[in-house]
Amino acid sequence: MKEDKIRKDELENVIKIAKCLEESKNSWLWYREIARRCRLNHKTVSRLIKNHLKESVIEQEGVEPFVKIKMVKIKPGVSINNVLRYLVVKQKIEAVRNSG
């Protein structure tokens, strides 16, 4: 059975990204700017946002006409504690899905 727990290093990086978004307030940030501020690879930032920070936590927009370029910001009223609670609940749901 596949284990769906988030690795410790991934969790630390997701928290770095969430803190970066929270500190930027309502400003839109490019993945590369988040990567620079968090000292991560831009592809790592993209993967972690795609896998762990969904639409309930962040807003995401593509830049026309460049559909692969995306900008993100944290939703109004969302804090780092909300992100952590979201990750815990998400992990519990995935564990229940995979046990059955």
PDB file of N, CA and C in Angstrom:
ATOM      1  N   MET A   1       0.845  -1.182   0.000  1.00  0.00           N
ATOM      2  CA  MET A   1       0.000   0.000   0.000  1.00  0.00           C
ATOM      3  C   MET A   1       0.889   1.243   0.000  1.00  0.00           C
ATOM      4  N   LYS A   2       0.561   2.198  -0.825  1.00  0.00           N
ATOM      5  CA  LYS A   2       1.346   3.425  -0.949  1.00  0.00           C
ATOM      6  C   LYS A   2       1.124   4.316   0.264  1.00  0.00           C
ATOM      7  N   GLU A   3       2.225   4.817   0.810  1.00  0.00           N
ATOM      8  CA  GLU A   3       2.165   5.726   1.948  1.00  0.00           C
ATOM      9  C   GLU A   3       2.034   7.157   1.433  1.00  0.00           C
ATOM     10  N   ASP A   4       1.014   7.895   1.862  1.00  0.00           N
ATOM     11  CA  ASP A   4       0.779   9.247   1.357  1.00  0.00           C
ATOM     12  C   ASP A   4       1.181  10.331   2.337  1.00  0.00           C
ATOM     13  N   LYS A   5       2.031   9.995   3.297  1.00  0.00           N
ATOM     14  CA  LYS A   5       2.490  11.017   4.222  1.00  0.00           C
ATOM     15  C   LYS A   5       3.431  11.968   3.509  1.00  0.00           C
ATOM     16  N   ILE A   6       3.326  13.215   3.865  1.00  0.00           N
ATOM     17  CA  ILE A   6       4.217  14.216   3.296  1.00  0.00           C
ATOM     18  C   ILE A   6       5.568  14.102   4.012  1.00  0.00           C
ATOM     19  N   ARG A   7       6.630  14.115   3.237  1.00  0.00           N
ATOM     20  CA  ARG A   7       7.969  14.020   3.816  1.00  0.00           C
ATOM     21  C   ARG A   7       8.279  15.285   4.608  1.00  0.00           C
ATOM     22  N   LYS A   8       9.163  15.142   5.595  1.00  0.00           N
ATOM     23  CA  LYS A   8       9.491  16.270   6.464  1.00  0.00           C
ATOM     24  C   LYS A   8      10.081  17.426   5.673  1.00  0.00           C
ATOM     25  N   ASP A   9      10.983  17.142   4.733  1.00  0.00           N
ATOM     26  CA  ASP A   9      11.587  18.221   3.952  1.00  0.00           C
ATOM     27  C   ASP A   9      10.564  18.912   3.059  1.00  0.00           C
ATOM     28  N   GLU A  10       9.613  18.129   2.520  1.00  0.00           N
ATOM     29  CA  GLU A  10       8.550  18.728   1.711  1.00  0.00           C
ATOM     30  C   GLU A  10       7.658  19.623   2.569  1.00  0.00           C
ATOM     31  N   LEU A  11       7.321  19.153   3.763  1.00  0.00           N
ATOM     32  CA  LEU A  11       6.483  19.939   4.672  1.00  0.00           C
ATOM     33  C   LEU A  11       7.171  21.253   5.026  1.00  0.00           C
ATOM     34  N   GLU A  12       8.468  21.193   5.303  1.00  0.00           N
ATOM     35  CA  GLU A  12       9.215  22.404   5.621  1.00  0.00           C
ATOM     36  C   GLU A  12       9.183  23.381   4.445  1.00  0.00           C
ATOM     37  N   ASN A  13       9.323  22.863   3.233  1.00  0.00           N
ATOM     38  CA  ASN A  13       9.302  23.721   2.051  1.00  0.00           C
ATOM     39  C   ASN A  13       7.916  24.301   1.786  1.00  0.00           C
ATOM     40  N   VAL A  14       6.872  23.518   2.012  1.00  0.00           N
ATOM     41  CA  VAL A  14       5.499  24.024   1.858  1.00  0.00           C
ATOM     42  C   VAL A  14       5.255  25.149   2.864  1.00  0.00           C
ATOM     43  N   ILE A  15       5.755  24.996   4.068  1.00  0.00           N
ATOM     44  CA  ILE A  15       5.606  26.034   5.086  1.00  0.00           C
ATOM     45  C   ILE A  15       6.375  27.288   4.678  1.00  0.00           C
ATOM     46  N   LYS A  16       7.576  27.117   4.125  1.00  0.00           N
ATOM     47  CA  LYS A  16       8.347  28.268   3.625  1.00  0.00           C
ATOM     48  C   LYS A  16       7.555  29.022   2.564  1.00  0.00           C
ATOM     49  N   ILE A  17       6.964  28.274   1.635  1.00  0.00           N
ATOM     50  CA  ILE A  17       6.186  28.888   0.558  1.00  0.00           C
ATOM     51  C   ILE A  17       4.977  29.618   1.121  1.00  0.00           C
ATOM     52  N   ALA A  18       4.267  28.977   2.056  1.00  0.00           N
ATOM     53  CA  ALA A  18       3.084  29.602   2.654  1.00  0.00           C
ATOM     54  C   ALA A  18       3.458  30.866   3.414  1.00  0.00           C
ATOM     55  N   LYS A  19       4.572  30.839   4.140  1.00  0.00           N
ATOM     56  CA  LYS A  19       5.027  32.037   4.861  1.00  0.00           C
ATOM     57  C   LYS A  19       5.382  33.157   3.886  1.00  0.00           C
ATOM     58  N   CYS A  20       6.034  32.791   2.794  1.00  0.00           N
ATOM     59  CA  CYS A  20       6.395  33.778   1.766  1.00  0.00           C
ATOM     60  C   CYS A  20       5.136  34.435   1.202  1.00  0.00           C
ATOM     61  N   LEU A  21       4.131  33.633   0.904  1.00  0.00           N
ATOM     62  CA  LEU A  21       2.882  34.169   0.370  1.00  0.00           C
ATOM     63  C   LEU A  21       2.165  35.024   1.403  1.00  0.00           C
ATOM     64  N   GLU A  22       2.205  34.589   2.661  1.00  0.00           N
ATOM     65  CA  GLU A  22       1.556  35.342   3.725  1.00  0.00           C
ATOM     66  C   GLU A  22       2.246  36.698   3.936  1.00  0.00           C
ATOM     67  N   GLU A  23       3.577  36.715   3.866  1.00  0.00           N
ATOM     68  CA  GLU A  23       4.330  37.955   4.050  1.00  0.00           C
ATOM     69  C   GLU A  23       4.111  38.946   2.909  1.00  0.00           C
ATOM     70  N   SER A  24       3.808  38.422   1.727  1.00  0.00           N
ATOM     71  CA  SER A  24       3.607  39.309   0.582  1.00  0.00           C
ATOM     72  C   SER A  24       2.208  39.921   0.564  1.00  0.00           C
ATOM     73  N   LYS A  25       1.422  39.611   1.582  1.00  0.00           N
ATOM     74  CA  LYS A  25       0.051  40.109   1.718  1.00  0.00           C
ATOM     75  C   LYS A  25      -0.791  39.727   0.499  1.00  0.00           C
ATOM     76  N   ASN A  26      -1.353  40.701  -0.178  1.00  0.00           N
ATOM     77  CA  ASN A  26      -2.204  40.395  -1.326  1.00  0.00           C
ATOM     78  C   ASN A  26      -1.504  40.591  -2.661  1.00  0.00           C
ATOM     79  N   SER A  27      -0.187  40.584  -2.661  1.00  0.00           N
ATOM     80  CA  SER A  27       0.573  40.759  -3.896  1.00  0.00           C
ATOM     81  C   SER A  27       0.677  39.448  -4.656  1.00  0.00           C
ATOM     82  N   TRP A  28       0.569  39.546  -5.972  1.00  0.00           N
ATOM     83  CA  TRP A  28       0.756  38.380  -6.820  1.00  0.00           C
ATOM     84  C   TRP A  28       2.252  38.112  -6.951  1.00  0.00           C
ATOM     85  N   LEU A  29       2.659  36.843  -6.856  1.00  0.00           N
ATOM     86  CA  LEU A  29       4.057  36.463  -6.989  1.00  0.00           C
ATOM     87  C   LEU A  29       4.221  35.402  -8.069  1.00  0.00           C
ATOM     88  N   TRP A  30       5.307  35.518  -8.844  1.00  0.00           N
ATOM     89  CA  TRP A  30       5.668  34.493  -9.809  1.00  0.00           C
ATOM     90  C   TRP A  30       6.273  33.315  -9.042  1.00  0.00           C
ATOM     91  N   TYR A  31       6.190  32.118  -9.609  1.00  0.00           N
ATOM     92  CA  TYR A  31       6.835  30.950  -8.994  1.00  0.00           C
ATOM     93  C   TYR A  31       8.330  31.207  -8.794  1.00  0.00           C
ATOM     94  N   ARG A  32       8.958  31.837  -9.776  1.00  0.00           N
ATOM     95  CA  ARG A  32      10.400  32.099  -9.671  1.00  0.00           C
ATOM     96  C   ARG A  32      10.724  33.087  -8.556  1.00  0.00           C
ATOM     97  N   GLU A  33       9.846  34.040  -8.314  1.00  0.00           N
ATOM     98  CA  GLU A  33      10.069  34.978  -7.215  1.00  0.00           C
ATOM     99  C   GLU A  33       9.916  34.273  -5.866  1.00  0.00           C
ATOM    100  N   ILE A  34       8.938  33.401  -5.758  1.00  0.00           N
ATOM    101  CA  ILE A  34       8.762  32.606  -4.533  1.00  0.00           C
ATOM    102  C   ILE A  34      10.000  31.744  -4.316  1.00  0.00           C
ATOM    103  N   ALA A  35      10.475  31.118  -5.389  1.00  0.00           N
ATOM    104  CA  ALA A  35      11.664  30.266  -5.307  1.00  0.00           C
ATOM    105  C   ALA A  35      12.874  31.068  -4.838  1.00  0.00           C
ATOM    106  N   ARG A  36      13.037  32.268  -5.366  1.00  0.00           N
ATOM    107  CA  ARG A  36      14.162  33.105  -4.974  1.00  0.00           C
ATOM    108  C   ARG A  36      14.082  33.482  -3.500  1.00  0.00           C
ATOM    109  N   ARG A  37      12.899  33.878  -3.048  1.00  0.00           N
ATOM    110  CA  ARG A  37      12.732  34.281  -1.650  1.00  0.00           C
ATOM    111  C   ARG A  37      12.906  33.114  -0.676  1.00  0.00           C
ATOM    112  N   CYS A  38      12.484  31.917  -1.102  1.00  0.00           N
ATOM    113  CA  CYS A  38      12.555  30.734  -0.239  1.00  0.00           C
ATOM    114  C   CYS A  38      13.832  29.931  -0.431  1.00  0.00           C
ATOM    115  N   ARG A  39      14.639  30.338  -1.410  1.00  0.00           N
ATOM    116  CA  ARG A  39      15.865  29.621  -1.764  1.00  0.00           C
ATOM    117  C   ARG A  39      15.575  28.171  -2.147  1.00  0.00           C
ATOM    118  N   LEU A  40      14.602  28.025  -3.052  1.00  0.00           N
ATOM    119  CA  LEU A  40      14.217  26.721  -3.586  1.00  0.00           C
ATOM    120  C   LEU A  40      14.285  26.788  -5.104  1.00  0.00           C
ATOM    121  N   ASN A  41      14.261  25.637  -5.743  1.00  0.00           N
ATOM    122  CA  ASN A  41      14.189  25.569  -7.194  1.00  0.00           C
ATOM    123  C   ASN A  41      12.773  25.941  -7.627  1.00  0.00           C
ATOM    124  N   HIS A  42      12.639  26.647  -8.748  1.00  0.00           N
ATOM    125  CA  HIS A  42      11.298  27.058  -9.199  1.00  0.00           C
ATOM    126  C   HIS A  42      10.422  25.860  -9.554  1.00  0.00           C
ATOM    127  N   LYS A  43      11.030  24.775  -9.999  1.00  0.00           N
ATOM    128  CA  LYS A  43      10.239  23.576 -10.300  1.00  0.00           C
ATOM    129  C   LYS A  43       9.739  22.912  -9.021  1.00  0.00           C
ATOM    130  N   THR A  44      10.527  22.977  -7.977  1.00  0.00           N
ATOM    131  CA  THR A  44      10.100  22.465  -6.672  1.00  0.00           C
ATOM    132  C   THR A  44       8.917  23.271  -6.159  1.00  0.00           C
ATOM    133  N   VAL A  45       8.999  24.582  -6.293  1.00  0.00           N
ATOM    134  CA  VAL A  45       7.896  25.461  -5.876  1.00  0.00           C
ATOM    135  C   VAL A  45       6.629  25.101  -6.649  1.00  0.00           C
ATOM    136  N   SER A  46       6.753  24.936  -7.949  1.00  0.00           N
ATOM    137  CA  SER A  46       5.604  24.591  -8.788  1.00  0.00           C
ATOM    138  C   SER A  46       4.978  23.265  -8.353  1.00  0.00           C
ATOM    139  N   ARG A  47       5.814  22.267  -8.122  1.00  0.00           N
ATOM    140  CA  ARG A  47       5.325  20.933  -7.738  1.00  0.00           C
ATOM    141  C   ARG A  47       4.647  20.973  -6.377  1.00  0.00           C
ATOM    142  N   LEU A  48       5.243  21.655  -5.412  1.00  0.00           N
ATOM    143  CA  LEU A  48       4.668  21.711  -4.069  1.00  0.00           C
ATOM    144  C   LEU A  48       3.356  22.480  -4.051  1.00  0.00           C
ATOM    145  N   ILE A  49       3.276  23.568  -4.804  1.00  0.00           N
ATOM    146  CA  ILE A  49       2.015  24.305  -4.882  1.00  0.00           C
ATOM    147  C   ILE A  49       0.945  23.437  -5.529  1.00  0.00           C
ATOM    148  N   LYS A  50       1.298  22.753  -6.608  1.00  0.00           N
ATOM    149  CA  LYS A  50       0.347  21.902  -7.320  1.00  0.00           C
ATOM    150  C   LYS A  50      -0.147  20.749  -6.434  1.00  0.00           C
ATOM    151  N   ASN A  51       0.758  20.145  -5.666  1.00  0.00           N
ATOM    152  CA  ASN A  51       0.401  18.968  -4.881  1.00  0.00           C
ATOM    153  C   ASN A  51      -0.180  19.270  -3.506  1.00  0.00           C
ATOM    154  N   HIS A  52       0.183  20.406  -2.903  1.00  0.00           N
ATOM    155  CA  HIS A  52      -0.185  20.608  -1.504  1.00  0.00           C
ATOM    156  C   HIS A  52      -0.967  21.878  -1.209  1.00  0.00           C
ATOM    157  N   LEU A  53      -0.896  22.876  -2.048  1.00  0.00           N
ATOM    158  CA  LEU A  53      -1.612  24.125  -1.784  1.00  0.00           C
ATOM    159  C   LEU A  53      -2.663  24.339  -2.865  1.00  0.00           C
ATOM    160  N   LYS A  54      -3.828  23.872  -2.614  1.00  0.00           N
ATOM    161  CA  LYS A  54      -4.903  23.934  -3.606  1.00  0.00           C
ATOM    162  C   LYS A  54      -5.681  25.233  -3.505  1.00  0.00           C
ATOM    163  N   GLU A  55      -6.746  25.315  -4.270  1.00  0.00           N
ATOM    164  CA  GLU A  55      -7.546  26.525  -4.382  1.00  0.00           C
ATOM    165  C   GLU A  55      -8.205  26.962  -3.077  1.00  0.00           C
ATOM    166  N   SER A  56      -8.266  26.096  -2.080  1.00  0.00           N
ATOM    167  CA  SER A  56      -8.857  26.517  -0.815  1.00  0.00           C
ATOM    168  C   SER A  56      -7.911  27.419  -0.022  1.00  0.00           C
ATOM    169  N   VAL A  57      -6.629  27.432  -0.407  1.00  0.00           N
ATOM    170  CA  VAL A  57      -5.635  28.211   0.314  1.00  0.00           C
ATOM    171  C   VAL A  57      -5.086  29.363  -0.526  1.00  0.00           C
ATOM    172  N   ILE A  58      -4.916  29.146  -1.826  1.00  0.00           N
ATOM    173  CA  ILE A  58      -4.298  30.152  -2.684  1.00  0.00           C
ATOM    174  C   ILE A  58      -5.174  30.481  -3.879  1.00  0.00           C
ATOM    175  N   GLU A  59      -4.900  31.629  -4.475  1.00  0.00           N
ATOM    176  CA  GLU A  59      -5.491  32.002  -5.754  1.00  0.00           C
ATOM    177  C   GLU A  59      -4.376  31.910  -6.787  1.00  0.00           C
ATOM    178  N   GLN A  60      -4.714  31.439  -7.974  1.00  0.00           N
ATOM    179  CA  GLN A  60      -3.705  31.245  -9.008  1.00  0.00           C
ATOM    180  C   GLN A  60      -4.246  31.743 -10.339  1.00  0.00           C
ATOM    181  N   GLU A  61      -3.390  32.437 -11.095  1.00  0.00           N
ATOM    182  CA  GLU A  61      -3.789  32.941 -12.412  1.00  0.00           C
ATOM    183  C   GLU A  61      -2.676  32.718 -13.404  1.00  0.00           C
ATOM    184  N   GLY A  62      -3.071  32.387 -14.628  1.00  0.00           N
ATOM    185  CA  GLY A  62      -2.110  32.307 -15.716  1.00  0.00           C
ATOM    186  C   GLY A  62      -1.956  33.676 -16.348  1.00  0.00           C
ATOM    187  N   VAL A  63      -0.831  33.880 -16.985  1.00  0.00           N
ATOM    188  CA  VAL A  63      -0.559  35.170 -17.628  1.00  0.00           C
ATOM    189  C   VAL A  63      -0.718  34.979 -19.127  1.00  0.00           C
ATOM    190  N   GLU A  64      -1.674  35.696 -19.709  1.00  0.00           N
ATOM    191  CA  GLU A  64      -1.896  35.607 -21.156  1.00  0.00           C
ATOM    192  C   GLU A  64      -0.805  36.349 -21.901  1.00  0.00           C
ATOM    193  N   PRO A  65      -0.324  35.939 -22.979  1.00  0.00           N
ATOM    194  CA  PRO A  65      -0.620  34.726 -23.743  1.00  0.00           C
ATOM    195  C   PRO A  65       0.254  33.545 -23.326  1.00  0.00           C
ATOM    196  N   PHE A  66       0.991  33.687 -22.216  1.00  0.00           N
ATOM    197  CA  PHE A  66       1.899  32.636 -21.759  1.00  0.00           C
ATOM    198  C   PHE A  66       1.184  31.774 -20.726  1.00  0.00           C
ATOM    199  N   VAL A  67       0.545  30.704 -21.175  1.00  0.00           N
ATOM    200  CA  VAL A  67      -0.300  29.906 -20.285  1.00  0.00           C
ATOM    201  C   VAL A  67       0.483  29.142 -19.236  1.00  0.00           C
ATOM    202  N   LYS A  68       1.772  28.900 -19.471  1.00  0.00           N
ATOM    203  CA  LYS A  68       2.560  28.155 -18.489  1.00  0.00           C
ATOM    204  C   LYS A  68       3.067  29.036 -17.352  1.00  0.00           C
ATOM    205  N   ILE A  69       3.047  30.339 -17.549  1.00  0.00           N
ATOM    206  CA  ILE A  69       3.503  31.252 -16.509  1.00  0.00           C
ATOM    207  C   ILE A  69       2.334  31.512 -15.568  1.00  0.00           C
ATOM    208  N   LYS A  70       2.559  31.233 -14.276  1.00  0.00           N
ATOM    209  CA  LYS A  70       1.487  31.393 -13.307  1.00  0.00           C
ATOM    210  C   LYS A  70       1.922  32.311 -12.182  1.00  0.00           C
ATOM    211  N   MET A  71       0.947  33.008 -11.650  1.00  0.00           N
ATOM    212  CA  MET A  71       1.166  33.868 -10.490  1.00  0.00           C
ATOM    213  C   MET A  71       0.212  33.406  -9.405  1.00  0.00           C
ATOM    214  N   VAL A  72       0.676  33.488  -8.165  1.00  0.00           N
ATOM    215  CA  VAL A  72      -0.150  33.040  -7.044  1.00  0.00           C
ATOM    216  C   VAL A  72      -0.133  34.080  -5.936  1.00  0.00           C
ATOM    217  N   LYS A  73      -1.168  34.019  -5.122  1.00  0.00           N
ATOM    218  CA  LYS A  73      -1.215  34.783  -3.884  1.00  0.00           C
ATOM    219  C   LYS A  73      -2.083  34.012  -2.908  1.00  0.00           C
ATOM    220  N   ILE A  74      -1.857  34.272  -1.650  1.00  0.00           N
ATOM    221  CA  ILE A  74      -2.646  33.594  -0.624  1.00  0.00           C
ATOM    222  C   ILE A  74      -4.011  34.278  -0.566  1.00  0.00           C
ATOM    223  N   LYS A  75      -5.039  33.500  -0.315  1.00  0.00           N
ATOM    224  CA  LYS A  75      -6.390  34.061  -0.244  1.00  0.00           C
ATOM    225  C   LYS A  75      -6.521  34.977   0.969  1.00  0.00           C
ATOM    226  N   PRO A  76      -7.353  35.992   0.856  1.00  0.00           N
ATOM    227  CA  PRO A  76      -7.564  36.897   1.998  1.00  0.00           C
ATOM    228  C   PRO A  76      -8.093  36.128   3.205  1.00  0.00           C
ATOM    229  N   GLY A  77      -7.547  36.422   4.360  1.00  0.00           N
ATOM    230  CA  GLY A  77      -7.997  35.777   5.589  1.00  0.00           C
ATOM    231  C   GLY A  77      -7.330  34.448   5.888  1.00  0.00           C
ATOM    232  N   VAL A  78      -6.445  33.978   5.018  1.00  0.00           N
ATOM    233  CA  VAL A  78      -5.760  32.710   5.236  1.00  0.00           C
ATOM    234  C   VAL A  78      -4.414  32.996   5.892  1.00  0.00           C
ATOM    235  N   SER A  79      -4.116  32.248   6.966  1.00  0.00           N
ATOM    236  CA  SER A  79      -2.836  32.404   7.659  1.00  0.00           C
ATOM    237  C   SER A  79      -2.061  31.092   7.575  1.00  0.00           C
ATOM    238  N   ILE A  80      -0.868  31.095   8.094  1.00  0.00           N
ATOM    239  CA  ILE A  80      -0.033  29.896   8.096  1.00  0.00           C
ATOM    240  C   ILE A  80      -0.704  28.785   8.904  1.00  0.00           C
ATOM    241  N   ASN A  81      -1.431  29.148   9.962  1.00  0.00           N
ATOM    242  CA  ASN A  81      -2.146  28.141  10.758  1.00  0.00           C
ATOM    243  C   ASN A  81      -3.248  27.474   9.941  1.00  0.00           C
ATOM    244  N   ASN A  82      -3.939  28.236   9.104  1.00  0.00           N
ATOM    245  CA  ASN A  82      -4.946  27.667   8.219  1.00  0.00           C
ATOM    246  C   ASN A  82      -4.319  26.669   7.254  1.00  0.00           C
ATOM    247  N   VAL A  83      -3.146  27.008   6.745  1.00  0.00           N
ATOM    248  CA  VAL A  83      -2.445  26.125   5.808  1.00  0.00           C
ATOM    249  C   VAL A  83      -2.074  24.821   6.499  1.00  0.00           C
ATOM    250  N   LEU A  84      -1.552  24.908   7.710  1.00  0.00           N
ATOM    251  CA  LEU A  84      -1.169  23.698   8.448  1.00  0.00           C
ATOM    252  C   LEU A  84      -2.379  22.812   8.739  1.00  0.00           C
ATOM    253  N   ARG A  85      -3.482  23.420   9.152  1.00  0.00           N
ATOM    254  CA  ARG A  85      -4.706  22.646   9.398  1.00  0.00           C
ATOM    255  C   ARG A  85      -5.192  21.980   8.119  1.00  0.00           C
ATOM    256  N   TYR A  86      -5.131  22.704   7.016  1.00  0.00           N
ATOM    257  CA  TYR A  86      -5.528  22.161   5.715  1.00  0.00           C
ATOM    258  C   TYR A  86      -4.682  20.938   5.360  1.00  0.00           C
ATOM    259  N   LEU A  87      -3.369  21.028   5.562  1.00  0.00           N
ATOM    260  CA  LEU A  87      -2.479  19.916   5.235  1.00  0.00           C
ATOM    261  C   LEU A  87      -2.763  18.686   6.092  1.00  0.00           C
ATOM    262  N   VAL A  88      -3.056  18.903   7.382  1.00  0.00           N
ATOM    263  CA  VAL A  88      -3.363  17.785   8.280  1.00  0.00           C
ATOM    264  C   VAL A  88      -4.647  17.091   7.850  1.00  0.00           C
ATOM    265  N   VAL A  89      -5.685  17.862   7.572  1.00  0.00           N
ATOM    266  CA  VAL A  89      -6.965  17.289   7.149  1.00  0.00           C
ATOM    267  C   VAL A  89      -6.814  16.569   5.816  1.00  0.00           C
ATOM    268  N   LYS A  90      -6.093  17.171   4.878  1.00  0.00           N
ATOM    269  CA  LYS A  90      -5.863  16.556   3.571  1.00  0.00           C
ATOM    270  C   LYS A  90      -5.170  15.208   3.717  1.00  0.00           C
ATOM    271  N   GLN A  91      -4.168  15.153   4.600  1.00  0.00           N
ATOM    272  CA  GLN A  91      -3.431  13.916   4.803  1.00  0.00           C
ATOM    273  C   GLN A  91      -4.320  12.834   5.417  1.00  0.00           C
ATOM    274  N   LYS A  92      -5.183  13.195   6.346  1.00  0.00           N
ATOM    275  CA  LYS A  92      -6.096  12.225   6.961  1.00  0.00           C
ATOM    276  C   LYS A  92      -7.075  11.681   5.934  1.00  0.00           C
ATOM    277  N   ILE A  93      -7.591  12.548   5.074  1.00  0.00           N
ATOM    278  CA  ILE A  93      -8.533  12.116   4.035  1.00  0.00           C
ATOM    279  C   ILE A  93      -7.847  11.154   3.077  1.00  0.00           C
ATOM    280  N   GLU A  94      -6.631  11.471   2.663  1.00  0.00           N
ATOM    281  CA  GLU A  94      -5.895  10.585   1.746  1.00  0.00           C
ATOM    282  C   GLU A  94      -5.585   9.239   2.403  1.00  0.00           C
ATOM    283  N   ALA A  95      -5.301   9.239   3.703  1.00  0.00           N
ATOM    284  CA  ALA A  95      -5.040   7.982   4.412  1.00  0.00           C
ATOM    285  C   ALA A  95      -6.284   7.109   4.441  1.00  0.00           C
ATOM    286  N   VAL A  96      -7.462   7.724   4.652  1.00  0.00           N
ATOM    287  CA  VAL A  96      -8.716   6.962   4.680  1.00  0.00           C
ATOM    288  C   VAL A  96      -9.034   6.411   3.285  1.00  0.00           C
ATOM    289  N   ARG A  97      -8.828   7.221   2.253  1.00  0.00           N
ATOM    290  CA  ARG A  97      -9.075   6.769   0.872  1.00  0.00           C
ATOM    291  C   ARG A  97      -8.207   5.578   0.527  1.00  0.00           C
ATOM    292  N   ASN A  98      -6.956   5.594   0.932  1.00  0.00           N
ATOM    293  CA  ASN A  98      -6.025   4.534   0.558  1.00  0.00           C
ATOM    294  C   ASN A  98      -6.164   3.287   1.420  1.00  0.00           C
ATOM    295  N   SER A  99      -6.827   3.399   2.575  1.00  0.00           N
ATOM    296  CA  SER A  99      -6.986   2.215   3.438  1.00  0.00           C
ATOM    297  C   SER A  99      -8.153   1.342   2.986  1.00  0.00           C
ATOM    298  N   GLY A 100      -9.039   1.906   2.226  1.00  0.00           N
ATOM    299  CA  GLY A 100     -10.243   1.178   1.823  1.00  0.00           C
ATOM    300  C   GLY A 100     -10.170   0.651   0.498  1.00  0.00           C
TER     301      GLY A 100
END
